[in-house]
């Protein structure tokens, strides 16, 4: 049986990624703005990790967002 929190987190990530792709596809947000949103989210969790995170959750979230930025998952980049 799947952990409900894991299912909810994965669903939220998929929805957010789809929204970012749609915003880019419709020329509402350019790639640099989408990457900026992701960088801001990563920095917020990084700051929380340094300040109060005892479980490592915020550090792991920041690392995952950084991997998404590096992989280009939320932006369709030309190959």
Foldseek 3Di string as FASTA:
>chain_A
DDDPVVVVVVVVVVVVLVVLAVCCVVVNDPPVVSLVVLQVQLVVLVVCCVPPDPPCVSVVSSVVSVVCSVVVSSYDDDD
